[in-house]
Amino acid sequence: MPDAKPSARSRILIVDDEASVRGVTLQVLKLAGHDVQTAENGCEALELIDAGESYELMLLDVSMPRMDGMELVRELEHRGVDTPVLLMSGHAAQGLPESDAEGLIRGIVSKPFGIQDLRNAVAEILG
């Protein structure tokens, strides 16, 4: 059965230092009909944003070199960027916010995550 395409194509940024995670996540979201870009770390993500790129959703790895996901969230909030964030973590999610109604974080998925879990989390955030 072919994947259902969303009615509105959303622009999504995946930020993860693991090429395999970026690649698989990119393919899953592209097959779901989204326009997807990737960045290797938080610094690279900020370069895209500073260059004028905008997104409806950002998927951020919690643990990355140079600038991790939580540091990136704080920097985005400091800059006034209001893009919702879905955190991805390969570690136990203890101490990480499931959601942050006052901030950007809308949820977290634990790695390794299933394709349907990822699609459901993204769909829930995008509406």
N, C-alpha and C. Protein backbone atom coordinates (compact mmCIF):
# COMPACT_ATOMS: atom_id res chain seq x y z
N MET A 1 0.85 -1.18 0.00
CA MET A 1 0.00 0.00 0.00
C MET A 1 0.90 1.24 0.00
N PRO A 2 0.69 2.18 -0.94
CA PRO A 2 1.53 3.37 -0.99
C PRO A 2 1.29 4.27 0.21
N ASP A 3 2.32 5.02 0.55
CA ASP A 3 2.20 5.95 1.66
C ASP A 3 1.24 7.07 1.30
N ALA A 4 0.42 7.46 2.26
CA ALA A 4 -0.47 8.59 2.04
C ALA A 4 0.34 9.88 2.08
N LYS A 5 0.07 10.75 1.13
CA LYS A 5 0.76 12.03 1.08
C LYS A 5 -0.01 13.05 1.93
N PRO A 6 0.71 13.91 2.67
CA PRO A 6 -0.01 14.92 3.43
C PRO A 6 -0.65 15.92 2.48
N SER A 7 -1.73 16.55 2.90
CA SER A 7 -2.42 17.50 2.04
C SER A 7 -1.57 18.75 1.82
N ALA A 8 -0.78 19.12 2.77
CA ALA A 8 0.10 20.28 2.63
C ALA A 8 1.54 19.82 2.82
N ARG A 9 2.39 20.18 1.88
CA ARG A 9 3.79 19.80 1.94
C ARG A 9 4.48 20.67 2.98
N SER A 10 5.08 20.06 3.98
CA SER A 10 5.75 20.80 5.05
C SER A 10 7.25 20.76 4.85
N ARG A 11 7.90 21.85 5.23
CA ARG A 11 9.35 21.93 5.17
C ARG A 11 9.91 21.53 6.52
N ILE A 12 10.79 20.52 6.52
CA ILE A 12 11.32 19.96 7.76
C ILE A 12 12.84 19.95 7.71
N LEU A 13 13.47 20.29 8.84
CA LEU A 13 14.92 20.21 8.97
C LEU A 13 15.26 19.11 9.96
N ILE A 14 16.12 18.17 9.52
CA ILE A 14 16.62 17.09 10.37
C ILE A 14 18.04 17.46 10.78
N VAL A 15 18.32 17.48 12.07
CA VAL A 15 19.65 17.81 12.56
C VAL A 15 20.14 16.64 13.41
N ASP A 16 21.13 15.91 12.86
CA ASP A 16 21.67 14.72 13.54
C ASP A 16 23.08 14.49 13.05
N ASP A 17 23.98 14.16 13.94
CA ASP A 17 25.38 13.94 13.56
C ASP A 17 25.62 12.58 12.92
N GLU A 18 24.67 11.67 13.02
CA GLU A 18 24.82 10.33 12.43
C GLU A 18 24.22 10.33 11.02
N ALA A 19 25.10 10.12 10.03
CA ALA A 19 24.66 10.14 8.63
C ALA A 19 23.56 9.12 8.36
N SER A 20 23.65 7.94 8.98
CA SER A 20 22.64 6.91 8.73
C SER A 20 21.28 7.34 9.25
N VAL A 21 21.23 7.99 10.40
CA VAL A 21 19.96 8.46 10.96
C VAL A 21 19.40 9.57 10.07
N ARG A 22 20.26 10.51 9.66
CA ARG A 22 19.80 11.58 8.76
C ARG A 22 19.22 10.99 7.48
N GLY A 23 19.93 10.02 6.91
CA GLY A 23 19.50 9.45 5.64
C GLY A 23 18.18 8.73 5.72
N VAL A 24 18.02 7.87 6.71
CA VAL A 24 16.77 7.12 6.86
C VAL A 24 15.62 8.06 7.17
N THR A 25 15.83 8.99 8.08
CA THR A 25 14.78 9.93 8.46
C THR A 25 14.38 10.79 7.26
N LEU A 26 15.37 11.23 6.50
CA LEU A 26 15.13 12.01 5.28
C LEU A 26 14.23 11.23 4.33
N GLN A 27 14.56 9.97 4.07
CA GLN A 27 13.79 9.16 3.13
C GLN A 27 12.36 8.94 3.63
N VAL A 28 12.20 8.64 4.90
CA VAL A 28 10.86 8.41 5.46
C VAL A 28 10.00 9.66 5.29
N LEU A 29 10.56 10.82 5.61
CA LEU A 29 9.77 12.06 5.53
C LEU A 29 9.53 12.50 4.09
N LYS A 30 10.50 12.26 3.22
CA LYS A 30 10.29 12.59 1.80
C LYS A 30 9.20 11.70 1.20
N LEU A 31 9.21 10.40 1.54
CA LEU A 31 8.18 9.50 1.05
C LEU A 31 6.79 9.90 1.57
N ALA A 32 6.77 10.56 2.72
CA ALA A 32 5.51 11.05 3.28
C ALA A 32 5.09 12.38 2.63
N GLY A 33 5.91 12.89 1.69
CA GLY A 33 5.54 14.08 0.94
C GLY A 33 6.12 15.39 1.43
N HIS A 34 7.02 15.34 2.39
CA HIS A 34 7.58 16.56 2.94
C HIS A 34 8.81 17.02 2.16
N ASP A 35 9.11 18.30 2.24
CA ASP A 35 10.32 18.90 1.70
C ASP A 35 11.32 18.90 2.85
N VAL A 36 12.42 18.15 2.72
CA VAL A 36 13.30 17.91 3.85
C VAL A 36 14.72 18.35 3.56
N GLN A 37 15.34 19.02 4.53
CA GLN A 37 16.76 19.36 4.49
C GLN A 37 17.41 18.73 5.70
N THR A 38 18.74 18.60 5.66
CA THR A 38 19.46 18.03 6.79
C THR A 38 20.64 18.91 7.18
N ALA A 39 21.04 18.77 8.42
CA ALA A 39 22.24 19.42 8.95
C ALA A 39 22.92 18.43 9.89
N GLU A 40 24.25 18.53 9.97
CA GLU A 40 25.03 17.58 10.76
C GLU A 40 25.10 17.94 12.24
N ASN A 41 24.85 19.20 12.58
CA ASN A 41 24.90 19.64 13.97
C ASN A 41 24.17 20.96 14.11
N GLY A 42 24.08 21.45 15.34
CA GLY A 42 23.37 22.69 15.60
C GLY A 42 23.96 23.90 14.91
N CYS A 43 25.28 23.95 14.80
CA CYS A 43 25.93 25.08 14.13
C CYS A 43 25.53 25.14 12.66
N GLU A 44 25.50 23.98 12.02
CA GLU A 44 25.10 23.91 10.61
C GLU A 44 23.63 24.31 10.45
N ALA A 45 22.81 23.91 11.39
CA ALA A 45 21.40 24.29 11.34
C ALA A 45 21.23 25.81 11.45
N LEU A 46 21.99 26.42 12.35
CA LEU A 46 21.92 27.88 12.50
C LEU A 46 22.38 28.59 11.23
N GLU A 47 23.39 28.02 10.55
CA GLU A 47 23.84 28.61 9.28
C GLU A 47 22.71 28.63 8.26
N LEU A 48 21.94 27.54 8.19
CA LEU A 48 20.80 27.49 7.27
C LEU A 48 19.76 28.55 7.63
N ILE A 49 19.47 28.67 8.91
CA ILE A 49 18.48 29.64 9.37
C ILE A 49 18.97 31.07 9.11
N ASP A 50 20.25 31.31 9.39
CA ASP A 50 20.83 32.63 9.14
C ASP A 50 20.82 32.98 7.65
N ALA A 51 20.85 31.94 6.78
CA ALA A 51 20.83 32.16 5.33
C ALA A 51 19.40 32.38 4.82
N GLY A 52 18.43 32.36 5.75
CA GLY A 52 17.05 32.67 5.38
C GLY A 52 16.13 31.47 5.21
N GLU A 53 16.63 30.28 5.49
CA GLU A 53 15.79 29.09 5.39
C GLU A 53 14.78 29.10 6.54
N SER A 54 13.58 28.61 6.27
CA SER A 54 12.57 28.49 7.33
C SER A 54 11.89 27.13 7.21
N TYR A 55 11.36 26.67 8.32
CA TYR A 55 10.83 25.32 8.41
C TYR A 55 9.55 25.32 9.24
N GLU A 56 8.70 24.31 8.97
CA GLU A 56 7.51 24.11 9.79
C GLU A 56 7.81 23.22 10.98
N LEU A 57 8.93 22.46 10.90
CA LEU A 57 9.29 21.55 11.98
C LEU A 57 10.79 21.27 11.90
N MET A 58 11.42 21.12 13.07
CA MET A 58 12.81 20.69 13.15
C MET A 58 12.89 19.45 14.01
N LEU A 59 13.59 18.43 13.50
CA LEU A 59 13.88 17.22 14.26
C LEU A 59 15.32 17.32 14.72
N LEU A 60 15.56 17.35 16.02
CA LEU A 60 16.89 17.58 16.57
C LEU A 60 17.35 16.42 17.42
N ASP A 61 18.57 15.92 17.10
CA ASP A 61 19.21 14.93 17.96
C ASP A 61 19.61 15.64 19.25
N VAL A 62 19.39 14.99 20.36
CA VAL A 62 19.72 15.61 21.65
C VAL A 62 21.24 15.67 21.84
N SER A 63 21.95 14.63 21.42
CA SER A 63 23.38 14.53 21.68
C SER A 63 24.18 14.62 20.37
N MET A 64 24.85 15.77 20.17
CA MET A 64 25.67 16.00 18.98
C MET A 64 26.91 16.79 19.38
N PRO A 65 28.00 16.64 18.61
CA PRO A 65 29.17 17.48 18.86
C PRO A 65 28.91 18.92 18.39
N ARG A 66 29.75 19.82 18.82
CA ARG A 66 29.71 21.25 18.48
C ARG A 66 28.54 21.99 19.11
N MET A 67 27.32 21.59 18.80
CA MET A 67 26.14 22.20 19.42
C MET A 67 25.05 21.14 19.44
N ASP A 68 24.67 20.69 20.64
CA ASP A 68 23.66 19.64 20.72
C ASP A 68 22.25 20.21 20.58
N GLY A 69 21.28 19.31 20.59
CA GLY A 69 19.90 19.71 20.35
C GLY A 69 19.35 20.69 21.36
N MET A 70 19.65 20.48 22.64
CA MET A 70 19.12 21.40 23.65
C MET A 70 19.78 22.78 23.55
N GLU A 71 21.08 22.81 23.24
CA GLU A 71 21.75 24.10 23.02
C GLU A 71 21.13 24.82 21.83
N LEU A 72 20.83 24.06 20.78
CA LEU A 72 20.21 24.65 19.60
C LEU A 72 18.82 25.20 19.93
N VAL A 73 18.04 24.47 20.71
CA VAL A 73 16.72 24.96 21.11
C VAL A 73 16.86 26.29 21.84
N ARG A 74 17.78 26.37 22.78
CA ARG A 74 17.98 27.63 23.53
C ARG A 74 18.39 28.77 22.59
N GLU A 75 19.26 28.49 21.63
CA GLU A 75 19.70 29.51 20.68
C GLU A 75 18.56 29.95 19.77
N LEU A 76 17.75 29.01 19.33
CA LEU A 76 16.59 29.36 18.50
C LEU A 76 15.63 30.26 19.26
N GLU A 77 15.35 29.89 20.51
CA GLU A 77 14.47 30.71 21.34
C GLU A 77 15.06 32.10 21.54
N HIS A 78 16.37 32.17 21.78
CA HIS A 78 17.05 33.46 21.97
C HIS A 78 16.91 34.33 20.72
N ARG A 79 16.94 33.72 19.56
CA ARG A 79 16.84 34.45 18.29
C ARG A 79 15.40 34.74 17.89
N GLY A 80 14.44 34.23 18.64
CA GLY A 80 13.04 34.47 18.33
C GLY A 80 12.47 33.56 17.25
N VAL A 81 13.17 32.46 16.95
CA VAL A 81 12.66 31.48 15.99
C VAL A 81 11.56 30.68 16.68
N ASP A 82 10.41 30.54 16.03
CA ASP A 82 9.29 29.87 16.69
C ASP A 82 8.92 28.53 16.05
N THR A 83 9.85 27.91 15.36
CA THR A 83 9.61 26.61 14.72
C THR A 83 9.50 25.50 15.77
N PRO A 84 8.45 24.70 15.71
CA PRO A 84 8.33 23.58 16.65
C PRO A 84 9.46 22.58 16.48
N VAL A 85 9.81 21.91 17.58
CA VAL A 85 10.92 20.97 17.62
C VAL A 85 10.44 19.61 18.10
N LEU A 86 10.90 18.56 17.40
CA LEU A 86 10.75 17.19 17.85
C LEU A 86 12.15 16.69 18.17
N LEU A 87 12.39 16.35 19.44
CA LEU A 87 13.70 15.84 19.83
C LEU A 87 13.82 14.37 19.50
N MET A 88 15.04 13.95 19.16
CA MET A 88 15.35 12.55 18.92
C MET A 88 16.49 12.19 19.86
N SER A 89 16.35 11.06 20.56
CA SER A 89 17.39 10.69 21.51
C SER A 89 17.65 9.19 21.49
N GLY A 90 18.93 8.83 21.46
CA GLY A 90 19.32 7.44 21.56
C GLY A 90 19.57 7.03 22.99
N HIS A 91 19.44 7.96 23.91
CA HIS A 91 19.65 7.70 25.34
C HIS A 91 18.30 7.72 26.04
N ALA A 92 18.28 7.23 27.23
CA ALA A 92 17.04 7.30 28.02
C ALA A 92 16.59 8.74 28.09
N ALA A 93 15.32 8.95 27.94
CA ALA A 93 14.77 10.30 27.88
C ALA A 93 14.58 10.93 29.26
N GLN A 94 15.21 10.37 30.28
CA GLN A 94 15.08 10.94 31.62
C GLN A 94 15.63 12.36 31.62
N GLY A 95 14.87 13.25 32.22
CA GLY A 95 15.32 14.63 32.35
C GLY A 95 15.06 15.48 31.12
N LEU A 96 14.56 14.87 30.03
CA LEU A 96 14.24 15.64 28.84
C LEU A 96 12.75 15.94 28.84
N PRO A 97 12.39 17.16 28.45
CA PRO A 97 10.98 17.50 28.44
C PRO A 97 10.23 16.78 27.33
N GLU A 98 9.11 16.18 27.62
CA GLU A 98 8.26 15.54 26.61
C GLU A 98 7.67 16.63 25.72
N SER A 99 7.27 17.70 26.34
CA SER A 99 6.81 18.87 25.60
C SER A 99 7.07 20.10 26.45
N ASP A 100 7.09 21.22 25.81
CA ASP A 100 7.41 22.48 26.48
C ASP A 100 6.47 23.54 25.92
N ALA A 101 5.28 23.63 26.50
CA ALA A 101 4.24 24.50 25.96
C ALA A 101 4.70 25.95 25.82
N GLU A 102 5.59 26.38 26.66
CA GLU A 102 6.09 27.75 26.60
C GLU A 102 7.21 27.92 25.58
N GLY A 103 7.82 26.80 25.18
CA GLY A 103 8.96 26.88 24.28
C GLY A 103 8.70 26.15 22.98
N LEU A 104 9.76 25.68 22.37
CA LEU A 104 9.68 25.08 21.05
C LEU A 104 9.45 23.58 21.05
N ILE A 105 9.79 22.89 22.12
CA ILE A 105 9.77 21.42 22.13
C ILE A 105 8.34 20.90 22.19
N ARG A 106 8.01 20.07 21.20
CA ARG A 106 6.66 19.50 21.12
C ARG A 106 6.62 18.01 21.41
N GLY A 107 7.79 17.37 21.54
CA GLY A 107 7.81 15.95 21.82
C GLY A 107 9.19 15.37 21.66
N ILE A 108 9.29 14.06 21.91
CA ILE A 108 10.56 13.36 21.78
C ILE A 108 10.29 11.95 21.28
N VAL A 109 11.16 11.48 20.38
CA VAL A 109 11.11 10.09 19.94
C VAL A 109 12.44 9.46 20.34
N SER A 110 12.35 8.22 20.81
CA SER A 110 13.56 7.51 21.23
C SER A 110 14.12 6.72 20.05
N LYS A 111 15.45 6.84 19.86
CA LYS A 111 16.13 6.08 18.81
C LYS A 111 16.56 4.74 19.39
N PRO A 112 16.47 3.67 18.65
CA PRO A 112 15.93 3.65 17.28
C PRO A 112 14.41 3.71 17.31
N PHE A 113 13.85 4.51 16.41
CA PHE A 113 12.40 4.63 16.34
C PHE A 113 11.90 3.93 15.08
N GLY A 114 10.66 3.47 15.15
CA GLY A 114 10.03 2.84 14.00
C GLY A 114 9.54 3.89 13.02
N ILE A 115 9.41 3.49 11.78
CA ILE A 115 8.94 4.41 10.74
C ILE A 115 7.58 4.99 11.11
N GLN A 116 6.66 4.15 11.55
CA GLN A 116 5.33 4.64 11.86
C GLN A 116 5.35 5.55 13.09
N ASP A 117 6.20 5.25 14.07
CA ASP A 117 6.33 6.13 15.24
C ASP A 117 6.78 7.52 14.83
N LEU A 118 7.76 7.57 13.91
CA LEU A 118 8.26 8.86 13.42
C LEU A 118 7.16 9.60 12.67
N ARG A 119 6.50 8.90 11.76
CA ARG A 119 5.42 9.54 10.98
C ARG A 119 4.32 10.07 11.89
N ASN A 120 3.95 9.27 12.89
CA ASN A 120 2.89 9.69 13.81
C ASN A 120 3.30 10.93 14.60
N ALA A 121 4.54 10.95 15.10
CA ALA A 121 5.01 12.10 15.88
C ALA A 121 5.03 13.36 15.04
N VAL A 122 5.51 13.24 13.80
CA VAL A 122 5.56 14.40 12.89
C VAL A 122 4.15 14.86 12.56
N ALA A 123 3.26 13.93 12.23
CA ALA A 123 1.89 14.29 11.88
C ALA A 123 1.17 14.97 13.04
N GLU A 124 1.41 14.48 14.25
CA GLU A 124 0.78 15.07 15.43
C GLU A 124 1.21 16.53 15.61
N ILE A 125 2.48 16.81 15.41
CA ILE A 125 2.98 18.17 15.58
C ILE A 125 2.51 19.08 14.46
N LEU A 126 2.53 18.59 13.23
CA LEU A 126 2.15 19.41 12.09
C LEU A 126 0.64 19.59 11.96
N GLY A 127 -0.11 18.71 12.64
CA GLY A 127 -1.56 18.84 12.64
C GLY A 127 -2.19 18.09 11.54
